[in-house]
PDB file of N, CA and C in Angstrom:
ATOM      1  N   MET A   1     -11.126  13.494  -1.968  1.00  0.00           N
ATOM      2  CA  MET A   1      -9.991  12.657  -1.606  1.00  0.00           C
ATOM      3  C   MET A   1     -10.397  11.615  -0.584  1.00  0.00           C
ATOM      4  N   ALA A   2     -11.224  11.982   0.373  1.00  0.00           N
ATOM      5  CA  ALA A   2     -11.634  11.024   1.405  1.00  0.00           C
ATOM      6  C   ALA A   2     -12.358   9.842   0.791  1.00  0.00           C
ATOM      7  N   ILE A   3     -13.144  10.094  -0.240  1.00  0.00           N
ATOM      8  CA  ILE A   3     -13.851   9.000  -0.903  1.00  0.00           C
ATOM      9  C   ILE A   3     -12.860   8.094  -1.604  1.00  0.00           C
ATOM     10  N   ARG A   4     -11.918   8.640  -2.315  1.00  0.00           N
ATOM     11  CA  ARG A   4     -10.906   7.827  -2.997  1.00  0.00           C
ATOM     12  C   ARG A   4     -10.117   6.991  -2.008  1.00  0.00           C
ATOM     13  N   LEU A   5      -9.663   7.611  -0.928  1.00  0.00           N
ATOM     14  CA  LEU A   5      -8.890   6.890   0.071  1.00  0.00           C
ATOM     15  C   LEU A   5      -9.718   5.766   0.665  1.00  0.00           C
ATOM     16  N   SER A   6     -10.992   6.026   0.951  1.00  0.00           N
ATOM     17  CA  SER A   6     -11.830   4.962   1.515  1.00  0.00           C
ATOM     18  C   SER A   6     -12.059   3.857   0.497  1.00  0.00           C
ATOM     19  N   GLN A   7     -12.166   4.199  -0.799  1.00  0.00           N
ATOM     20  CA  GLN A   7     -12.309   3.180  -1.833  1.00  0.00           C
ATOM     21  C   GLN A   7     -11.060   2.312  -1.905  1.00  0.00           C
ATOM     22  N   ILE A   8      -9.888   2.947  -1.865  1.00  0.00           N
ATOM     23  CA  ILE A   8      -8.626   2.201  -1.903  1.00  0.00           C
ATOM     24  C   ILE A   8      -8.532   1.280  -0.697  1.00  0.00           C
ATOM     25  N   LEU A   9      -8.857   1.811   0.475  1.00  0.00           N
ATOM     26  CA  LEU A   9      -8.778   0.993   1.685  1.00  0.00           C
ATOM     27  C   LEU A   9      -9.778  -0.147   1.648  1.00  0.00           C
ATOM     28  N   ARG A  10     -10.991   0.113   1.162  1.00  0.00           N
ATOM     29  CA  ARG A  10     -12.011  -0.932   1.082  1.00  0.00           C
ATOM     30  C   ARG A  10     -11.564  -2.040   0.124  1.00  0.00           C
ATOM     31  N   GLN A  11     -11.057  -1.650  -1.042  1.00  0.00           N
ATOM     32  CA  GLN A  11     -10.588  -2.630  -2.013  1.00  0.00           C
ATOM     33  C   GLN A  11      -9.403  -3.411  -1.445  1.00  0.00           C
ATOM     34  N   SER A  12      -8.495  -2.720  -0.784  1.00  0.00           N
ATOM     35  CA  SER A  12      -7.342  -3.391  -0.185  1.00  0.00           C
ATOM     36  C   SER A  12      -7.785  -4.351   0.911  1.00  0.00           C
ATOM     37  N   SER A  13      -8.752  -3.925   1.724  1.00  0.00           N
ATOM     38  CA  SER A  13      -9.247  -4.785   2.791  1.00  0.00           C
ATOM     39  C   SER A  13      -9.852  -6.057   2.229  1.00  0.00           C
ATOM     40  N   LEU A  14     -10.602  -5.928   1.136  1.00  0.00           N
ATOM     41  CA  LEU A  14     -11.189  -7.106   0.500  1.00  0.00           C
ATOM     42  C   LEU A  14     -10.101  -8.030  -0.024  1.00  0.00           C
ATOM     43  N   LEU A  15      -9.080  -7.455  -0.642  1.00  0.00           N
ATOM     44  CA  LEU A  15      -7.984  -8.274  -1.151  1.00  0.00           C
ATOM     45  C   LEU A  15      -7.260  -8.981  -0.017  1.00  0.00           C
ATOM     46  N   PHE A  16      -7.008  -8.255   1.079  1.00  0.00           N
ATOM     47  CA  PHE A  16      -6.316  -8.862   2.207  1.00  0.00           C
ATOM     48  C   PHE A  16      -7.177  -9.929   2.862  1.00  0.00           C
ATOM     49  N   ALA A  17      -8.479  -9.705   2.952  1.00  0.00           N
ATOM     50  CA  ALA A  17      -9.370 -10.701   3.534  1.00  0.00           C
ATOM     51  C   ALA A  17      -9.375 -11.966   2.691  1.00  0.00           C
ATOM     52  N   ASN A  18      -9.378 -11.800   1.370  1.00  0.00           N
ATOM     53  CA  ASN A  18      -9.363 -12.952   0.476  1.00  0.00           C
ATOM     54  C   ASN A  18      -8.050 -13.711   0.552  1.00  0.00           C
ATOM     55  N   LYS A  19      -6.996 -13.056   0.935  1.00  0.00           N
ATOM     56  CA  LYS A  19      -5.686 -13.685   1.007  1.00  0.00           C
ATOM     57  C   LYS A  19      -5.244 -13.945   2.443  1.00  0.00           C
ATOM     58  N   ALA A  20      -6.161 -13.929   3.367  1.00  0.00           N
ATOM     59  CA  ALA A  20      -5.815 -14.054   4.785  1.00  0.00           C
ATOM     60  C   ALA A  20      -5.055 -15.338   5.083  1.00  0.00           C
ATOM     61  N   ALA A  21      -5.339 -16.381   4.358  1.00  0.00           N
ATOM     62  CA  ALA A  21      -4.664 -17.657   4.611  1.00  0.00           C
ATOM     63  C   ALA A  21      -3.336 -17.768   3.883  1.00  0.00           C
ATOM     64  N   SER A  22      -3.043 -16.812   3.017  1.00  0.00           N
ATOM     65  CA  SER A  22      -1.803 -16.896   2.248  1.00  0.00           C
ATOM     66  C   SER A  22      -0.620 -16.412   3.073  1.00  0.00           C
ATOM     67  N   SER A  23       0.562 -16.772   2.629  1.00  0.00           N
ATOM     68  CA  SER A  23       1.766 -16.383   3.359  1.00  0.00           C
ATOM     69  C   SER A  23       2.026 -14.890   3.300  1.00  0.00           C
ATOM     70  N   SER A  24       1.464 -14.194   2.313  1.00  0.00           N
ATOM     71  CA  SER A  24       1.720 -12.755   2.200  1.00  0.00           C
ATOM     72  C   SER A  24       1.083 -11.960   3.332  1.00  0.00           C
ATOM     73  N   SER A  25       0.051 -12.514   3.977  1.00  0.00           N
ATOM     74  CA  SER A  25      -0.590 -11.777   5.061  1.00  0.00           C
ATOM     75  C   SER A  25      -0.137 -12.247   6.439  1.00  0.00           C
ATOM     76  N   VAL A  26       0.667 -13.278   6.475  1.00  0.00           N
ATOM     77  CA  VAL A  26       1.155 -13.788   7.748  1.00  0.00           C
ATOM     78  C   VAL A  26       2.166 -12.802   8.332  1.00  0.00           C
ATOM     79  N   GLY A  27       2.032 -12.536   9.607  1.00  0.00           N
ATOM     80  CA  GLY A  27       2.998 -11.676  10.283  1.00  0.00           C
ATOM     81  C   GLY A  27       2.732 -10.193  10.148  1.00  0.00           C
ATOM     82  N   VAL A  28       1.535  -9.808   9.738  1.00  0.00           N
ATOM     83  CA  VAL A  28       1.198  -8.390   9.653  1.00  0.00           C
ATOM     84  C   VAL A  28       0.473  -8.012  10.936  1.00  0.00           C
ATOM     85  N   PRO A  29       1.118  -7.229  11.788  1.00  0.00           N
ATOM     86  CA  PRO A  29       0.490  -6.863  13.067  1.00  0.00           C
ATOM     87  C   PRO A  29      -0.707  -5.944  12.873  1.00  0.00           C
ATOM     88  N   LYS A  30      -1.586  -5.972  13.831  1.00  0.00           N
ATOM     89  CA  LYS A  30      -2.752  -5.089  13.815  1.00  0.00           C
ATOM     90  C   LYS A  30      -2.263  -3.642  13.756  1.00  0.00           C
ATOM     91  N   GLY A  31      -2.930  -2.841  12.942  1.00  0.00           N
ATOM     92  CA  GLY A  31      -2.542  -1.440  12.799  1.00  0.00           C
ATOM     93  C   GLY A  31      -1.544  -1.202  11.690  1.00  0.00           C
ATOM     94  N   TYR A  32      -1.231  -2.245  10.912  1.00  0.00           N
ATOM     95  CA  TYR A  32      -0.275  -2.141   9.814  1.00  0.00           C
ATOM     96  C   TYR A  32      -0.915  -2.665   8.538  1.00  0.00           C
ATOM     97  N   ILE A  33      -0.327  -2.291   7.423  1.00  0.00           N
ATOM     98  CA  ILE A  33      -0.811  -2.727   6.116  1.00  0.00           C
ATOM     99  C   ILE A  33       0.393  -3.118   5.261  1.00  0.00           C
ATOM    100  N   VAL A  34       0.190  -4.082   4.390  1.00  0.00           N
ATOM    101  CA  VAL A  34       1.239  -4.503   3.469  1.00  0.00           C
ATOM    102  C   VAL A  34       1.103  -3.689   2.193  1.00  0.00           C
ATOM    103  N   VAL A  35       2.223  -3.175   1.716  1.00  0.00           N
ATOM    104  CA  VAL A  35       2.262  -2.515   0.419  1.00  0.00           C
ATOM    105  C   VAL A  35       3.408  -3.116  -0.378  1.00  0.00           C
ATOM    106  N   TYR A  36       3.234  -3.139  -1.675  1.00  0.00           N
ATOM    107  CA  TYR A  36       4.273  -3.613  -2.578  1.00  0.00           C
ATOM    108  C   TYR A  36       4.792  -2.416  -3.343  1.00  0.00           C
ATOM    109  N   VAL A  37       6.109  -2.265  -3.368  1.00  0.00           N
ATOM    110  CA  VAL A  37       6.726  -1.063  -3.915  1.00  0.00           C
ATOM    111  C   VAL A  37       7.794  -1.446  -4.931  1.00  0.00           C
ATOM    112  N   GLY A  38       7.842  -0.690  -5.998  1.00  0.00           N
ATOM    113  CA  GLY A  38       8.884  -0.873  -6.994  1.00  0.00           C
ATOM    114  C   GLY A  38       8.353  -0.573  -8.377  1.00  0.00           C
ATOM    115  N   GLU A  39       9.255  -0.183  -9.251  1.00  0.00           N
ATOM    116  CA  GLU A  39       8.836   0.115 -10.614  1.00  0.00           C
ATOM    117  C   GLU A  39       8.741  -1.168 -11.438  1.00  0.00           C
ATOM    118  N   PHE A  40       9.650  -2.077 -11.246  1.00  0.00           N
ATOM    119  CA  PHE A  40       9.659  -3.317 -12.020  1.00  0.00           C
ATOM    120  C   PHE A  40       9.515  -4.516 -11.098  1.00  0.00           C
ATOM    121  N   GLU A  41      10.479  -4.705 -10.228  1.00  0.00           N
ATOM    122  CA  GLU A  41      10.414  -5.789  -9.251  1.00  0.00           C
ATOM    123  C   GLU A  41       9.819  -5.228  -7.966  1.00  0.00           C
ATOM    124  N   LYS A  42       8.745  -5.830  -7.508  1.00  0.00           N
ATOM    125  CA  LYS A  42       8.039  -5.311  -6.331  1.00  0.00           C
ATOM    126  C   LYS A  42       8.596  -5.942  -5.053  1.00  0.00           C
ATOM    127  N   LYS A  43       8.758  -5.096  -4.040  1.00  0.00           N
ATOM    128  CA  LYS A  43       9.217  -5.547  -2.734  1.00  0.00           C
ATOM    129  C   LYS A  43       8.111  -5.286  -1.720  1.00  0.00           C
ATOM    130  N   ARG A  44       7.929  -6.210  -0.794  1.00  0.00           N
ATOM    131  CA  ARG A  44       6.870  -6.128   0.208  1.00  0.00           C
ATOM    132  C   ARG A  44       7.343  -5.317   1.417  1.00  0.00           C
ATOM    133  N   PHE A  45       6.519  -4.340   1.830  1.00  0.00           N
ATOM    134  CA  PHE A  45       6.783  -3.546   3.022  1.00  0.00           C
ATOM    135  C   PHE A  45       5.556  -3.600   3.920  1.00  0.00           C
ATOM    136  N   VAL A  46       5.779  -3.585   5.212  1.00  0.00           N
ATOM    137  CA  VAL A  46       4.692  -3.510   6.192  1.00  0.00           C
ATOM    138  C   VAL A  46       4.818  -2.141   6.847  1.00  0.00           C
ATOM    139  N   VAL A  47       3.780  -1.311   6.666  1.00  0.00           N
ATOM    140  CA  VAL A  47       3.835   0.065   7.169  1.00  0.00           C
ATOM    141  C   VAL A  47       2.647   0.340   8.084  1.00  0.00           C
ATOM    142  N   PRO A  48       2.798   1.271   9.016  1.00  0.00           N
ATOM    143  CA  PRO A  48       1.676   1.628   9.896  1.00  0.00           C
ATOM    144  C   PRO A  48       0.521   2.235   9.106  1.00  0.00           C
ATOM    145  N   ILE A  49      -0.677   1.908   9.494  1.00  0.00           N
ATOM    146  CA  ILE A  49      -1.865   2.471   8.852  1.00  0.00           C
ATOM    147  C   ILE A  49      -1.864   3.993   8.977  1.00  0.00           C
ATOM    148  N   SER A  50      -1.248   4.519  10.021  1.00  0.00           N
ATOM    149  CA  SER A  50      -1.211   5.974  10.214  1.00  0.00           C
ATOM    150  C   SER A  50      -0.548   6.692   9.034  1.00  0.00           C
ATOM    151  N   PHE A  51       0.308   6.002   8.270  1.00  0.00           N
ATOM    152  CA  PHE A  51       0.944   6.609   7.102  1.00  0.00           C
ATOM    153  C   PHE A  51      -0.097   7.025   6.066  1.00  0.00           C
ATOM    154  N   LEU A  52      -1.233   6.330   6.027  1.00  0.00           N
ATOM    155  CA  LEU A  52      -2.250   6.593   5.007  1.00  0.00           C
ATOM    156  C   LEU A  52      -2.823   8.001   5.095  1.00  0.00           C
ATOM    157  N   SER A  53      -2.735   8.610   6.245  1.00  0.00           N
ATOM    158  CA  SER A  53      -3.275   9.970   6.407  1.00  0.00           C
ATOM    159  C   SER A  53      -2.241  11.050   6.111  1.00  0.00           C
ATOM    160  N   GLN A  54      -1.007  10.685   5.861  1.00  0.00           N
ATOM    161  CA  GLN A  54       0.052  11.661   5.594  1.00  0.00           C
ATOM    162  C   GLN A  54      -0.023  12.145   4.147  1.00  0.00           C
ATOM    163  N   PRO A  55       0.042  13.463   3.911  1.00  0.00           N
ATOM    164  CA  PRO A  55      -0.062  13.997   2.552  1.00  0.00           C
ATOM    165  C   PRO A  55       0.932  13.381   1.559  1.00  0.00           C
ATOM    166  N   SER A  56       2.160  13.174   1.977  1.00  0.00           N
ATOM    167  CA  SER A  56       3.149  12.606   1.054  1.00  0.00           C
ATOM    168  C   SER A  56       2.809  11.158   0.694  1.00  0.00           C
ATOM    169  N   PHE A  57       2.263  10.404   1.639  1.00  0.00           N
ATOM    170  CA  PHE A  57       1.858   9.022   1.360  1.00  0.00           C
ATOM    171  C   PHE A  57       0.599   9.011   0.500  1.00  0.00           C
ATOM    172  N   GLN A  58      -0.288   9.965   0.724  1.00  0.00           N
ATOM    173  CA  GLN A  58      -1.495  10.062  -0.094  1.00  0.00           C
ATOM    174  C   GLN A  58      -1.156  10.340  -1.556  1.00  0.00           C
ATOM    175  N   GLU A  59      -0.085  11.069  -1.791  1.00  0.00           N
ATOM    176  CA  GLU A  59       0.365  11.301  -3.166  1.00  0.00           C
ATOM    177  C   GLU A  59       0.770   9.973  -3.812  1.00  0.00           C
ATOM    178  N   LEU A  60       1.425   9.111  -3.056  1.00  0.00           N
ATOM    179  CA  LEU A  60       1.764   7.784  -3.580  1.00  0.00           C
ATOM    180  C   LEU A  60       0.503   6.979  -3.880  1.00  0.00           C
ATOM    181  N   LEU A  61      -0.513   7.116  -3.036  1.00  0.00           N
ATOM    182  CA  LEU A  61      -1.779   6.418  -3.268  1.00  0.00           C
ATOM    183  C   LEU A  61      -2.459   6.917  -4.542  1.00  0.00           C
ATOM    184  N   ARG A  62      -2.358   8.220  -4.800  1.00  0.00           N
ATOM    185  CA  ARG A  62      -2.925   8.771  -6.043  1.00  0.00           C
ATOM    186  C   ARG A  62      -2.213   8.189  -7.266  1.00  0.00           C
ATOM    187  N   LYS A  63      -0.896   8.063  -7.165  1.00  0.00           N
ATOM    188  CA  LYS A  63      -0.126   7.467  -8.273  1.00  0.00           C
ATOM    189  C   LYS A  63      -0.519   6.008  -8.471  1.00  0.00           C
ATOM    190  N   ALA A  64      -0.731   5.303  -7.374  1.00  0.00           N
ATOM    191  CA  ALA A  64      -1.152   3.907  -7.461  1.00  0.00           C
ATOM    192  C   ALA A  64      -2.517   3.806  -8.134  1.00  0.00           C
ATOM    193  N   GLU A  65      -3.415   4.707  -7.785  1.00  0.00           N
ATOM    194  CA  GLU A  65      -4.753   4.708  -8.387  1.00  0.00           C
ATOM    195  C   GLU A  65      -4.668   4.989  -9.887  1.00  0.00           C
ATOM    196  N   GLU A  66      -3.828   5.950 -10.277  1.00  0.00           N
ATOM    197  CA  GLU A  66      -3.667   6.274 -11.697  1.00  0.00           C
ATOM    198  C   GLU A  66      -3.116   5.088 -12.477  1.00  0.00           C
ATOM    199  N   GLU A  67      -2.159   4.385 -11.880  1.00  0.00           N
ATOM    200  CA  GLU A  67      -1.487   3.278 -12.577  1.00  0.00           C
ATOM    201  C   GLU A  67      -2.320   1.999 -12.588  1.00  0.00           C
ATOM    202  N   PHE A  68      -2.914   1.655 -11.453  1.00  0.00           N
ATOM    203  CA  PHE A  68      -3.565   0.353 -11.323  1.00  0.00           C
ATOM    204  C   PHE A  68      -5.072   0.426 -11.141  1.00  0.00           C
ATOM    205  N   GLY A  69      -5.625   1.611 -10.884  1.00  0.00           N
ATOM    206  CA  GLY A  69      -7.042   1.675 -10.525  1.00  0.00           C
ATOM    207  C   GLY A  69      -7.208   0.945  -9.195  1.00  0.00           C
ATOM    208  N   TYR A  70      -8.122  -0.004  -9.162  1.00  0.00           N
ATOM    209  CA  TYR A  70      -8.306  -0.797  -7.934  1.00  0.00           C
ATOM    210  C   TYR A  70      -7.962  -2.254  -8.179  1.00  0.00           C
ATOM    211  N   ASN A  71      -7.204  -2.516  -9.226  1.00  0.00           N
ATOM    212  CA  ASN A  71      -6.767  -3.863  -9.549  1.00  0.00           C
ATOM    213  C   ASN A  71      -5.274  -3.959  -9.232  1.00  0.00           C
ATOM    214  N   TYR A  72      -4.947  -4.555  -8.102  1.00  0.00           N
ATOM    215  CA  TYR A  72      -3.562  -4.613  -7.669  1.00  0.00           C
ATOM    216  C   TYR A  72      -2.939  -5.930  -8.105  1.00  0.00           C
ATOM    217  N   PRO A  73      -1.926  -5.877  -8.976  1.00  0.00           N
ATOM    218  CA  PRO A  73      -1.340  -7.081  -9.542  1.00  0.00           C
ATOM    219  C   PRO A  73      -0.644  -7.991  -8.522  1.00  0.00           C
ATOM    220  N   MET A  74      -0.232  -7.440  -7.403  1.00  0.00           N
ATOM    221  CA  MET A  74       0.475  -8.242  -6.399  1.00  0.00           C
ATOM    222  C   MET A  74      -0.480  -8.829  -5.362  1.00  0.00           C
ATOM    223  N   GLY A  75      -1.781  -8.546  -5.494  1.00  0.00           N
ATOM    224  CA  GLY A  75      -2.742  -9.050  -4.520  1.00  0.00           C
ATOM    225  C   GLY A  75      -2.871  -8.156  -3.305  1.00  0.00           C
ATOM    226  N   GLY A  76      -2.216  -7.038  -3.303  1.00  0.00           N
ATOM    227  CA  GLY A  76      -2.278  -6.068  -2.217  1.00  0.00           C
ATOM    228  C   GLY A  76      -1.973  -4.694  -2.776  1.00  0.00           C
ATOM    229  N   LEU A  77      -2.036  -3.711  -1.948  1.00  0.00           N
ATOM    230  CA  LEU A  77      -1.799  -2.332  -2.372  1.00  0.00           C
ATOM    231  C   LEU A  77      -0.412  -2.232  -3.001  1.00  0.00           C
ATOM    232  N   THR A  78      -0.373  -1.870  -4.276  1.00  0.00           N
ATOM    233  CA  THR A  78       0.875  -1.783  -5.026  1.00  0.00           C
ATOM    234  C   THR A  78       1.140  -0.326  -5.370  1.00  0.00           C
ATOM    235  N   ILE A  79       2.341   0.135  -5.038  1.00  0.00           N
ATOM    236  CA  ILE A  79       2.706   1.535  -5.255  1.00  0.00           C
ATOM    237  C   ILE A  79       3.809   1.599  -6.303  1.00  0.00           C
ATOM    238  N   PRO A  80       3.540   2.275  -7.434  1.00  0.00           N
ATOM    239  CA  PRO A  80       4.546   2.381  -8.494  1.00  0.00           C
ATOM    240  C   PRO A  80       5.558   3.489  -8.196  1.00  0.00           C
ATOM    241  N   CYS A  81       6.538   3.140  -7.405  1.00  0.00           N
ATOM    242  CA  CYS A  81       7.515   4.115  -6.926  1.00  0.00           C
ATOM    243  C   CYS A  81       8.838   3.382  -6.760  1.00  0.00           C
ATOM    244  N   ARG A  82       9.935   4.068  -7.011  1.00  0.00           N
ATOM    245  CA  ARG A  82      11.226   3.434  -6.766  1.00  0.00           C
ATOM    246  C   ARG A  82      11.364   3.125  -5.283  1.00  0.00           C
ATOM    247  N   GLU A  83      11.964   1.996  -5.002  1.00  0.00           N
ATOM    248  CA  GLU A  83      12.109   1.548  -3.617  1.00  0.00           C
ATOM    249  C   GLU A  83      12.883   2.556  -2.765  1.00  0.00           C
ATOM    250  N   ASP A  84      13.955   3.121  -3.289  1.00  0.00           N
ATOM    251  CA  ASP A  84      14.751   4.075  -2.513  1.00  0.00           C
ATOM    252  C   ASP A  84      13.958   5.337  -2.171  1.00  0.00           C
ATOM    253  N   ILE A  85      13.107   5.779  -3.084  1.00  0.00           N
ATOM    254  CA  ILE A  85      12.265   6.953  -2.816  1.00  0.00           C
ATOM    255  C   ILE A  85      11.242   6.631  -1.737  1.00  0.00           C
ATOM    256  N   PHE A  86      10.642   5.440  -1.818  1.00  0.00           N
ATOM    257  CA  PHE A  86       9.664   5.018  -0.820  1.00  0.00           C
ATOM    258  C   PHE A  86      10.305   4.934   0.570  1.00  0.00           C
ATOM    259  N   ILE A  87      11.476   4.362   0.651  1.00  0.00           N
ATOM    260  CA  ILE A  87      12.172   4.239   1.939  1.00  0.00           C
ATOM    261  C   ILE A  87      12.508   5.615   2.492  1.00  0.00           C
ATOM    262  N   ASP A  88      12.973   6.509   1.635  1.00  0.00           N
ATOM    263  CA  ASP A  88      13.287   7.875   2.083  1.00  0.00           C
ATOM    264  C   ASP A  88      12.035   8.574   2.602  1.00  0.00           C
ATOM    265  N   LEU A  89      10.948   8.470   1.855  1.00  0.00           N
ATOM    266  CA  LEU A  89       9.700   9.120   2.250  1.00  0.00           C
ATOM    267  C   LEU A  89       9.186   8.561   3.586  1.00  0.00           C
ATOM    268  N   THR A  90       9.126   7.251   3.699  1.00  0.00           N
ATOM    269  CA  THR A  90       8.583   6.660   4.928  1.00  0.00           C
ATOM    270  C   THR A  90       9.502   6.872   6.128  1.00  0.00           C
ATOM    271  N   SER A  91      10.792   6.982   5.900  1.00  0.00           N
ATOM    272  CA  SER A  91      11.693   7.235   7.033  1.00  0.00           C
ATOM    273  C   SER A  91      11.451   8.622   7.623  1.00  0.00           C
ATOM    274  N   ARG A  92      10.974   9.545   6.794  1.00  0.00           N
ATOM    275  CA  ARG A  92      10.656  10.893   7.287  1.00  0.00           C
ATOM    276  C   ARG A  92       9.310  10.957   7.992  1.00  0.00           C
ATOM    277  N   LEU A  93       8.470   9.929   7.811  1.00  0.00           N
ATOM    278  CA  LEU A  93       7.153   9.914   8.440  1.00  0.00           C
ATOM    279  C   LEU A  93       7.206   9.349   9.862  1.00  0.00           C
ATOM    280  N   ASN A  94       8.252   8.662  10.210  1.00  0.00           N
ATOM    281  CA  ASN A  94       8.369   8.060  11.552  1.00  0.00           C
ATOM    282  C   ASN A  94       8.511   9.090  12.630  1.00  0.00           C
TER     283      ASN A  94
END
């Protein structure tokens, strides 16, 4: 799992570095990451990097890997999850 997570983070970091000048990366504070969530229409969320180590968030990362591999259609980490489920899950991680 640690290898997969590091691969996802490395790929995401490369994507974010390539898009550093774009508006999608503007306003992301240090220690946070942008994720896109939704089954059909994707919504942008900025979440603490600390979420990446949480088992419930790691399950979402596994689903993202199964669905997209390391090719993220939104240009950043994309999670195939209903928005309401994502909000519920992340609200419990705070």
